[in-house]
C-alpha cells in the first residue's frame, strides 16, 4: 500500500521503509505469503491486531504489529502519507501465532532499530539486520498472554504515559503516583507484562513523536521541545539510541 523509500535485506528478511500512498477506502483486502511485521511511524494505523490490555485496534506511531502468512487483512492509515516499516520474513519462518497481534518489548525495540538500518542501507550491516530480525522471529515463535494477571491499573498507567510523555521532566514516579502504586511496583509490573521498563516506554514515545514531526518543515529545536526533550542535543542522543540514526539523517531521508 505504499512506495518504497529505503530498503535492506539480510538472512532472508526484507526490510522496507515505505510511504503509504493510498487512502483507506482504496486499500483492498490482501494477504502475505510469508510472516509480515509492520511498524507505523505515524498515528492512526488500523489493523486486525488487538491490544490485549487496552483492546484498541487503531494504533499509534511505534506500534509493532505482526500479520501471519495467509491472513486476509486491510491494514491502512486513516490518512495517506504515513511512513511505516515493513519486514517480510523468510517463507519457512516457524511461528505459533495464527492471528495478527501487537508485539511489545524487545520486538518493538528491534523494529525501531531496523528503521535506522534501512536508512543506512549498508551491506556491512547485514549481521545487525539479522540480529534484529531474529528478535522479531523469536517474538512469534510462542504465544504468551501479556494480559494474564495484569493489574487493573496497568492500562491506565499506559494511557498516562501516552498522554504525558511529551511533558518535559516526566518521571516514572509521576506515573506511579497517578495510579497510586509504588514506583518499584509499577516498574516490576510494566516489565513483566510489557517486556521493558516504563522509562524505556517514555523515551520511545518521545522518539516516535519526533519521527512524525521530522518529516515536516519544522526546526529541530522546535521538534525537540514538542516531544518533551530538554533541548535539541538531548533529542539527538535519545533518537540515535532508539532508531540508530540522528534526527537530521532521518529527516534528510524521508522529508
C-alpha atoms as a PDB file:
ATOM      1  CA  UNK A   1       0.000   0.000   0.000  1.00  0.00           C
ATOM      2  CA  UNK A   2       2.976   2.290  -0.360  1.00  0.00           C
ATOM      3  CA  UNK A   3       6.064   3.255  -2.306  1.00  0.00           C
ATOM      4  CA  UNK A   4       9.463   2.090  -1.096  1.00  0.00           C
ATOM      5  CA  UNK A   5      11.619   4.814   0.404  1.00  0.00           C
ATOM      6  CA  UNK A   6      14.573   2.768   1.702  1.00  0.00           C
ATOM      7  CA  UNK A   7      15.222  -0.970   1.878  1.00  0.00           C
ATOM      8  CA  UNK A   8      17.768  -3.522   3.064  1.00  0.00           C
ATOM      9  CA  UNK A   9      17.839  -7.335   3.074  1.00  0.00           C
ATOM     10  CA  UNK A  10      19.741  -9.929   5.081  1.00  0.00           C
ATOM     11  CA  UNK A  11      19.259 -13.529   6.169  1.00  0.00           C
ATOM     12  CA  UNK A  12      16.130 -13.916   4.055  1.00  0.00           C
ATOM     13  CA  UNK A  13      14.440 -10.910   5.711  1.00  0.00           C
ATOM     14  CA  UNK A  14      13.401  -7.950   3.537  1.00  0.00           C
ATOM     15  CA  UNK A  15      13.203  -4.640   5.411  1.00  0.00           C
ATOM     16  CA  UNK A  16      11.487  -1.721   3.661  1.00  0.00           C
ATOM     17  CA  UNK A  17      10.744   1.789   4.856  1.00  0.00           C
ATOM     18  CA  UNK A  18       7.669   2.879   2.898  1.00  0.00           C
ATOM     19  CA  UNK A  19       5.323   5.815   2.475  1.00  0.00           C
ATOM     20  CA  UNK A  20       1.625   4.898   2.411  1.00  0.00           C
ATOM     21  CA  UNK A  21       0.118   6.470  -0.698  1.00  0.00           C
ATOM     22  CA  UNK A  22      -3.453   5.132  -0.686  1.00  0.00           C
ATOM     23  CA  UNK A  23      -6.433   6.471   1.274  1.00  0.00           C
ATOM     24  CA  UNK A  24      -8.078   3.794   3.466  1.00  0.00           C
ATOM     25  CA  UNK A  25     -11.015   3.278   1.095  1.00  0.00           C
ATOM     26  CA  UNK A  26      -8.620   2.389  -1.724  1.00  0.00           C
ATOM     27  CA  UNK A  27      -6.752  -0.337   0.191  1.00  0.00           C
ATOM     28  CA  UNK A  28      -8.029  -3.740  -0.905  1.00  0.00           C
ATOM     29  CA  UNK A  29      -8.088  -6.907   1.149  1.00  0.00           C
ATOM     30  CA  UNK A  30      -4.861  -8.840   0.718  1.00  0.00           C
ATOM     31  CA  UNK A  31      -2.598 -11.369   2.391  1.00  0.00           C
ATOM     32  CA  UNK A  32       1.100 -12.180   2.509  1.00  0.00           C
ATOM     33  CA  UNK A  33       2.694 -15.484   1.654  1.00  0.00           C
ATOM     34  CA  UNK A  34       5.200 -15.073   4.474  1.00  0.00           C
ATOM     35  CA  UNK A  35       5.177 -13.682   8.014  1.00  0.00           C
ATOM     36  CA  UNK A  36       4.984  -9.901   7.917  1.00  0.00           C
ATOM     37  CA  UNK A  37       5.814  -7.235  10.520  1.00  0.00           C
ATOM     38  CA  UNK A  38       4.751  -3.572  10.457  1.00  0.00           C
ATOM     39  CA  UNK A  39       5.927  -0.534  12.447  1.00  0.00           C
ATOM     40  CA  UNK A  40       3.842   2.582  11.664  1.00  0.00           C
ATOM     41  CA  UNK A  41       5.716   5.852  12.054  1.00  0.00           C
ATOM     42  CA  UNK A  42       2.523   7.883  12.020  1.00  0.00           C
ATOM     43  CA  UNK A  43      -0.631   7.686  14.121  1.00  0.00           C
ATOM     44  CA  UNK A  44      -3.956   6.212  13.020  1.00  0.00           C
ATOM     45  CA  UNK A  45      -2.880   2.789  11.732  1.00  0.00           C
ATOM     46  CA  UNK A  46      -5.753   0.269  11.521  1.00  0.00           C
ATOM     47  CA  UNK A  47      -5.078  -3.437  11.935  1.00  0.00           C
ATOM     48  CA  UNK A  48      -6.817  -6.723  12.687  1.00  0.00           C
ATOM     49  CA  UNK A  49      -4.494  -6.962  15.677  1.00  0.00           C
ATOM     50  CA  UNK A  50      -5.919  -6.134  19.089  1.00  0.00           C
ATOM     51  CA  UNK A  51      -4.073  -4.832  22.110  1.00  0.00           C
ATOM     52  CA  UNK A  52      -4.812  -7.435  24.813  1.00  0.00           C
ATOM     53  CA  UNK A  53      -4.632  -4.783  27.529  1.00  0.00           C
ATOM     54  CA  UNK A  54      -6.426  -1.752  26.056  1.00  0.00           C
ATOM     55  CA  UNK A  55      -8.426  -3.677  23.385  1.00  0.00           C
ATOM     56  CA  UNK A  56      -7.654  -0.999  20.795  1.00  0.00           C
ATOM     57  CA  UNK A  57      -7.366  -1.851  17.077  1.00  0.00           C
ATOM     58  CA  UNK A  58      -6.173   1.567  15.854  1.00  0.00           C
ATOM     59  CA  UNK A  59      -2.521   2.068  16.700  1.00  0.00           C
ATOM     60  CA  UNK A  60      -0.157   4.975  17.084  1.00  0.00           C
ATOM     61  CA  UNK A  61       3.358   5.533  15.810  1.00  0.00           C
ATOM     62  CA  UNK A  62       5.841   2.954  17.068  1.00  0.00           C
ATOM     63  CA  UNK A  63       3.400   0.043  17.488  1.00  0.00           C
ATOM     64  CA  UNK A  64       4.981  -3.229  16.367  1.00  0.00           C
ATOM     65  CA  UNK A  65       2.391  -5.367  14.565  1.00  0.00           C
ATOM     66  CA  UNK A  66       2.515  -8.888  13.143  1.00  0.00           C
ATOM     67  CA  UNK A  67       0.451 -10.481  10.368  1.00  0.00           C
ATOM     68  CA  UNK A  68       0.798 -14.271   9.937  1.00  0.00           C
ATOM     69  CA  UNK A  69       1.109 -15.803   6.466  1.00  0.00           C
ATOM     70  CA  UNK A  70      -2.175 -16.082   4.586  1.00  0.00           C
ATOM     71  CA  UNK A  71      -4.282 -13.887   6.882  1.00  0.00           C
ATOM     72  CA  UNK A  72      -6.525 -11.612   4.792  1.00  0.00           C
ATOM     73  CA  UNK A  73      -6.485  -8.017   6.060  1.00  0.00           C
ATOM     74  CA  UNK A  74      -6.854  -4.361   5.071  1.00  0.00           C
ATOM     75  CA  UNK A  75      -4.202  -2.690   7.219  1.00  0.00           C
ATOM     76  CA  UNK A  76      -4.113   1.024   6.427  1.00  0.00           C
ATOM     77  CA  UNK A  77      -3.618   4.529   7.785  1.00  0.00           C
ATOM     78  CA  UNK A  78      -6.597   6.784   8.377  1.00  0.00           C
ATOM     79  CA  UNK A  79      -4.783   9.412   6.296  1.00  0.00           C
ATOM     80  CA  UNK A  80      -2.408   8.688   3.372  1.00  0.00           C
ATOM     81  CA  UNK A  81       1.213   9.782   3.554  1.00  0.00           C
ATOM     82  CA  UNK A  82       2.236   7.958   6.730  1.00  0.00           C
ATOM     83  CA  UNK A  83       5.638   6.324   6.991  1.00  0.00           C
ATOM     84  CA  UNK A  84       5.860   2.682   8.011  1.00  0.00           C
ATOM     85  CA  UNK A  85       8.491  -0.031   8.279  1.00  0.00           C
ATOM     86  CA  UNK A  86       7.686  -3.365   6.654  1.00  0.00           C
ATOM     87  CA  UNK A  87       9.636  -6.535   7.438  1.00  0.00           C
ATOM     88  CA  UNK A  88       8.933  -9.672   5.398  1.00  0.00           C
ATOM     89  CA  UNK A  89      10.306 -12.896   6.904  1.00  0.00           C
ATOM     90  CA  UNK A  90      11.528 -15.985   5.045  1.00  0.00           C
ATOM     91  CA  UNK A  91       8.668 -18.247   3.949  1.00  0.00           C
ATOM     92  CA  UNK A  92       9.873 -21.047   6.230  1.00  0.00           C
ATOM     93  CA  UNK A  93       9.803 -18.944   9.427  1.00  0.00           C
ATOM     94  CA  UNK A  94       8.303 -21.076  12.238  1.00  0.00           C
ATOM     95  CA  UNK A  95       5.535 -19.319  14.148  1.00  0.00           C
ATOM     96  CA  UNK A  96       2.982 -20.265  16.775  1.00  0.00           C
ATOM     97  CA  UNK A  97       0.836 -17.209  16.050  1.00  0.00           C
ATOM     98  CA  UNK A  98      -2.145 -17.698  13.737  1.00  0.00           C
ATOM     99  CA  UNK A  99      -3.689 -14.227  14.018  1.00  0.00           C
ATOM    100  CA  UNK A 100      -2.472 -10.613  13.829  1.00  0.00           C
ATOM    101  CA  UNK A 101      -1.017  -9.397  17.115  1.00  0.00           C
ATOM    102  CA  UNK A 102       0.602  -6.383  18.752  1.00  0.00           C
ATOM    103  CA  UNK A 103       4.187  -7.091  19.819  1.00  0.00           C
ATOM    104  CA  UNK A 104       5.887  -5.363  22.713  1.00  0.00           C
ATOM    105  CA  UNK A 105       9.221  -5.256  24.490  1.00  0.00           C
ATOM    106  CA  UNK A 106      12.318  -6.443  22.607  1.00  0.00           C
ATOM    107  CA  UNK A 107      10.400  -6.883  19.323  1.00  0.00           C
ATOM    108  CA  UNK A 108       9.220  -3.273  19.404  1.00  0.00           C
ATOM    109  CA  UNK A 109      12.761  -2.046  20.112  1.00  0.00           C
ATOM    110  CA  UNK A 110      14.145  -4.225  17.301  1.00  0.00           C
ATOM    111  CA  UNK A 111      11.701  -2.690  14.815  1.00  0.00           C
ATOM    112  CA  UNK A 112      12.856   0.799  15.781  1.00  0.00           C
ATOM    113  CA  UNK A 113      16.465  -0.270  15.253  1.00  0.00           C
ATOM    114  CA  UNK A 114      15.593  -1.633  11.799  1.00  0.00           C
ATOM    115  CA  UNK A 115      14.357   1.821  10.785  1.00  0.00           C
ATOM    116  CA  UNK A 116      17.866   3.211  11.120  1.00  0.00           C
ATOM    117  CA  UNK A 117      19.454   0.183   9.451  1.00  0.00           C
ATOM    118  CA  UNK A 118      17.130   0.510   6.469  1.00  0.00           C
ATOM    119  CA  UNK A 119      18.004   4.198   6.144  1.00  0.00           C
ATOM    120  CA  UNK A 120      21.742   3.498   6.275  1.00  0.00           C
ATOM    121  CA  UNK A 121      21.432   0.670   3.732  1.00  0.00           C
ATOM    122  CA  UNK A 122      24.979  -0.591   4.296  1.00  0.00           C
ATOM    123  CA  UNK A 123      25.924  -4.082   3.153  1.00  0.00           C
ATOM    124  CA  UNK A 124      28.186  -4.259   6.201  1.00  0.00           C
ATOM    125  CA  UNK A 125      25.095  -4.036   8.439  1.00  0.00           C
ATOM    126  CA  UNK A 126      23.872  -7.483   7.374  1.00  0.00           C
ATOM    127  CA  UNK A 127      24.522  -9.142  10.720  1.00  0.00           C
ATOM    128  CA  UNK A 128      22.880  -6.264  12.595  1.00  0.00           C
ATOM    129  CA  UNK A 129      19.799  -6.587  10.391  1.00  0.00           C
ATOM    130  CA  UNK A 130      19.694 -10.331  11.000  1.00  0.00           C
ATOM    131  CA  UNK A 131      20.093  -9.901  14.756  1.00  0.00           C
ATOM    132  CA  UNK A 132      17.148  -7.501  14.927  1.00  0.00           C
ATOM    133  CA  UNK A 133      15.042  -9.631  12.576  1.00  0.00           C
ATOM    134  CA  UNK A 134      15.669 -12.746  14.653  1.00  0.00           C
ATOM    135  CA  UNK A 135      14.325 -10.925  17.701  1.00  0.00           C
ATOM    136  CA  UNK A 136      11.092 -10.458  15.744  1.00  0.00           C
ATOM    137  CA  UNK A 137      11.101 -14.122  14.786  1.00  0.00           C
ATOM    138  CA  UNK A 138      11.553 -15.135  18.405  1.00  0.00           C
ATOM    139  CA  UNK A 139       8.604 -12.968  19.441  1.00  0.00           C
ATOM    140  CA  UNK A 140       6.202 -15.024  17.303  1.00  0.00           C
ATOM    141  CA  UNK A 141       7.673 -18.453  17.997  1.00  0.00           C
ATOM    142  CA  UNK A 142       5.424 -18.890  21.044  1.00  0.00           C
ATOM    143  CA  UNK A 143       2.120 -17.409  22.217  1.00  0.00           C
ATOM    144  CA  UNK A 144       2.358 -15.698  25.607  1.00  0.00           C
ATOM    145  CA  UNK A 145      -0.657 -13.887  27.017  1.00  0.00           C
ATOM    146  CA  UNK A 146       0.511 -10.460  28.248  1.00  0.00           C
ATOM    147  CA  UNK A 147      -2.925  -9.694  29.665  1.00  0.00           C
ATOM    148  CA  UNK A 148      -2.872 -12.659  32.076  1.00  0.00           C
ATOM    149  CA  UNK A 149      -2.976 -11.454  35.676  1.00  0.00           C
ATOM    150  CA  UNK A 150      -2.116  -7.883  34.665  1.00  0.00           C
ATOM    151  CA  UNK A 151      -3.079  -5.435  37.443  1.00  0.00           C
ATOM    152  CA  UNK A 152      -6.187  -3.352  36.807  1.00  0.00           C
ATOM    153  CA  UNK A 153      -4.209  -0.125  36.982  1.00  0.00           C
ATOM    154  CA  UNK A 154      -1.709  -1.038  34.240  1.00  0.00           C
ATOM    155  CA  UNK A 155      -3.859   0.054  31.244  1.00  0.00           C
ATOM    156  CA  UNK A 156      -4.410   3.405  32.983  1.00  0.00           C
ATOM    157  CA  UNK A 157      -0.658   3.764  33.536  1.00  0.00           C
ATOM    158  CA  UNK A 158      -0.126   3.069  29.828  1.00  0.00           C
ATOM    159  CA  UNK A 159      -2.620   5.802  28.925  1.00  0.00           C
ATOM    160  CA  UNK A 160      -0.854   8.225  31.237  1.00  0.00           C
ATOM    161  CA  UNK A 161       2.492   7.508  29.574  1.00  0.00           C
ATOM    162  CA  UNK A 162       0.929   8.037  26.130  1.00  0.00           C
ATOM    163  CA  UNK A 163      -0.637  11.328  27.252  1.00  0.00           C
ATOM    164  CA  UNK A 164       2.187  12.785  29.337  1.00  0.00           C
ATOM    165  CA  UNK A 165       5.417  11.504  27.741  1.00  0.00           C
ATOM    166  CA  UNK A 166       5.712  14.731  25.784  1.00  0.00           C
ATOM    167  CA  UNK A 167       5.790  16.738  29.012  1.00  0.00           C
ATOM    168  CA  UNK A 168       9.360  17.729  29.846  1.00  0.00           C
ATOM    169  CA  UNK A 169      10.668  16.217  33.054  1.00  0.00           C
ATOM    170  CA  UNK A 170       8.134  13.389  33.328  1.00  0.00           C
ATOM    171  CA  UNK A 171       9.447  10.649  35.643  1.00  0.00           C
ATOM    172  CA  UNK A 172       8.289   7.121  36.372  1.00  0.00           C
ATOM    173  CA  UNK A 173       7.384   8.150  39.915  1.00  0.00           C
ATOM    174  CA  UNK A 174       4.942  10.718  38.483  1.00  0.00           C
ATOM    175  CA  UNK A 175       3.114   7.959  36.619  1.00  0.00           C
ATOM    176  CA  UNK A 176       3.154   5.713  39.695  1.00  0.00           C
ATOM    177  CA  UNK A 177       1.654   8.481  41.831  1.00  0.00           C
ATOM    178  CA  UNK A 178      -1.250   8.915  39.428  1.00  0.00           C
ATOM    179  CA  UNK A 179      -2.190   5.220  39.649  1.00  0.00           C
ATOM    180  CA  UNK A 180      -1.451   5.122  43.408  1.00  0.00           C
ATOM    181  CA  UNK A 181       1.260   2.435  43.398  1.00  0.00           C
ATOM    182  CA  UNK A 182       4.916   2.483  44.404  1.00  0.00           C
ATOM    183  CA  UNK A 183       7.334   3.213  41.502  1.00  0.00           C
ATOM    184  CA  UNK A 184       9.093  -0.118  42.091  1.00  0.00           C
ATOM    185  CA  UNK A 185       5.752  -1.932  41.869  1.00  0.00           C
ATOM    186  CA  UNK A 186       4.945  -0.070  38.647  1.00  0.00           C
ATOM    187  CA  UNK A 187       8.323  -0.873  37.104  1.00  0.00           C
ATOM    188  CA  UNK A 188       8.093  -4.554  38.026  1.00  0.00           C
ATOM    189  CA  UNK A 189       4.593  -4.994  36.559  1.00  0.00           C
ATOM    190  CA  UNK A 190       5.431  -2.961  33.451  1.00  0.00           C
ATOM    191  CA  UNK A 191       8.468  -5.065  32.658  1.00  0.00           C
ATOM    192  CA  UNK A 192       6.653  -8.335  33.357  1.00  0.00           C
ATOM    193  CA  UNK A 193       3.627  -7.620  31.169  1.00  0.00           C
ATOM    194  CA  UNK A 194       5.040  -5.215  28.562  1.00  0.00           C
ATOM    195  CA  UNK A 195       8.579  -6.534  28.166  1.00  0.00           C
ATOM    196  CA  UNK A 196      10.550  -3.383  29.026  1.00  0.00           C
ATOM    197  CA  UNK A 197      10.778  -0.607  31.608  1.00  0.00           C
ATOM    198  CA  UNK A 198       8.336   2.311  31.899  1.00  0.00           C
ATOM    199  CA  UNK A 199      11.277   4.666  31.432  1.00  0.00           C
ATOM    200  CA  UNK A 200      12.007   2.997  28.085  1.00  0.00           C
ATOM    201  CA  UNK A 201       8.349   3.409  27.110  1.00  0.00           C
ATOM    202  CA  UNK A 202       8.536   7.147  27.817  1.00  0.00           C
ATOM    203  CA  UNK A 203      11.731   7.541  25.771  1.00  0.00           C
ATOM    204  CA  UNK A 204      10.277   5.593  22.828  1.00  0.00           C
ATOM    205  CA  UNK A 205       7.055   7.619  22.915  1.00  0.00           C
ATOM    206  CA  UNK A 206       9.057  10.843  22.652  1.00  0.00           C
ATOM    207  CA  UNK A 207      11.139   9.491  19.768  1.00  0.00           C
ATOM    208  CA  UNK A 208       8.006   8.339  17.937  1.00  0.00           C
ATOM    209  CA  UNK A 209       6.500  11.819  18.275  1.00  0.00           C
ATOM    210  CA  UNK A 210       9.719  13.322  16.949  1.00  0.00           C
ATOM    211  CA  UNK A 211       9.693  10.925  13.974  1.00  0.00           C
ATOM    212  CA  UNK A 212       6.215  12.106  12.970  1.00  0.00           C
ATOM    213  CA  UNK A 213       7.265  15.765  13.049  1.00  0.00           C
ATOM    214  CA  UNK A 214      10.701  15.397  11.478  1.00  0.00           C
ATOM    215  CA  UNK A 215       9.126  14.893   8.046  1.00  0.00           C
ATOM    216  CA  UNK A 216       7.625  18.378   8.362  1.00  0.00           C
ATOM    217  CA  UNK A 217       9.431  21.630   7.801  1.00  0.00           C
ATOM    218  CA  UNK A 218       9.987  22.473  11.455  1.00  0.00           C
ATOM    219  CA  UNK A 219      13.261  23.497  13.144  1.00  0.00           C
ATOM    220  CA  UNK A 220      14.868  20.624  15.021  1.00  0.00           C
ATOM    221  CA  UNK A 221      14.833  22.643  18.242  1.00  0.00           C
ATOM    222  CA  UNK A 222      11.058  23.067  17.884  1.00  0.00           C
ATOM    223  CA  UNK A 223      10.590  19.314  17.301  1.00  0.00           C
ATOM    224  CA  UNK A 224      12.682  18.611  20.399  1.00  0.00           C
ATOM    225  CA  UNK A 225      10.607  20.949  22.556  1.00  0.00           C
ATOM    226  CA  UNK A 226       7.305  19.497  21.310  1.00  0.00           C
ATOM    227  CA  UNK A 227       8.499  15.975  22.131  1.00  0.00           C
ATOM    228  CA  UNK A 228       9.449  16.780  25.717  1.00  0.00           C
ATOM    229  CA  UNK A 229      13.230  16.794  25.319  1.00  0.00           C
ATOM    230  CA  UNK A 230      15.361  19.157  27.373  1.00  0.00           C
ATOM    231  CA  UNK A 231      16.974  20.517  24.204  1.00  0.00           C
ATOM    232  CA  UNK A 232      17.986  19.536  20.666  1.00  0.00           C
ATOM    233  CA  UNK A 233      21.132  17.684  21.740  1.00  0.00           C
ATOM    234  CA  UNK A 234      19.063  15.618  24.180  1.00  0.00           C
ATOM    235  CA  UNK A 235      16.758  14.633  21.311  1.00  0.00           C
ATOM    236  CA  UNK A 236      19.703  13.760  19.085  1.00  0.00           C
ATOM    237  CA  UNK A 237      21.222  11.416  21.674  1.00  0.00           C
ATOM    238  CA  UNK A 238      17.948   9.663  22.518  1.00  0.00           C
ATOM    239  CA  UNK A 239      16.779   9.450  18.917  1.00  0.00           C
ATOM    240  CA  UNK A 240      20.045   7.906  17.735  1.00  0.00           C
ATOM    241  CA  UNK A 241      19.934   5.422  20.609  1.00  0.00           C
ATOM    242  CA  UNK A 242      16.446   4.245  19.617  1.00  0.00           C
ATOM    243  CA  UNK A 243      16.442   4.486  15.823  1.00  0.00           C
ATOM    244  CA  UNK A 244      20.143   4.091  15.106  1.00  0.00           C
ATOM    245  CA  UNK A 245      20.376   7.360  13.125  1.00  0.00           C
ATOM    246  CA  UNK A 246      20.262  11.012  14.130  1.00  0.00           C
ATOM    247  CA  UNK A 247      17.144  13.149  13.591  1.00  0.00           C
ATOM    248  CA  UNK A 248      18.968  15.022  10.836  1.00  0.00           C
ATOM    249  CA  UNK A 249      19.757  11.839   8.903  1.00  0.00           C
ATOM    250  CA  UNK A 250      16.180  10.619   9.337  1.00  0.00           C
ATOM    251  CA  UNK A 251      14.747  13.907   8.076  1.00  0.00           C
ATOM    252  CA  UNK A 252      17.065  14.024   5.048  1.00  0.00           C
ATOM    253  CA  UNK A 253      15.961  10.517   4.045  1.00  0.00           C
ATOM    254  CA  UNK A 254      12.197  10.873   4.402  1.00  0.00           C
ATOM    255  CA  UNK A 255      11.355  14.556   4.020  1.00  0.00           C
END
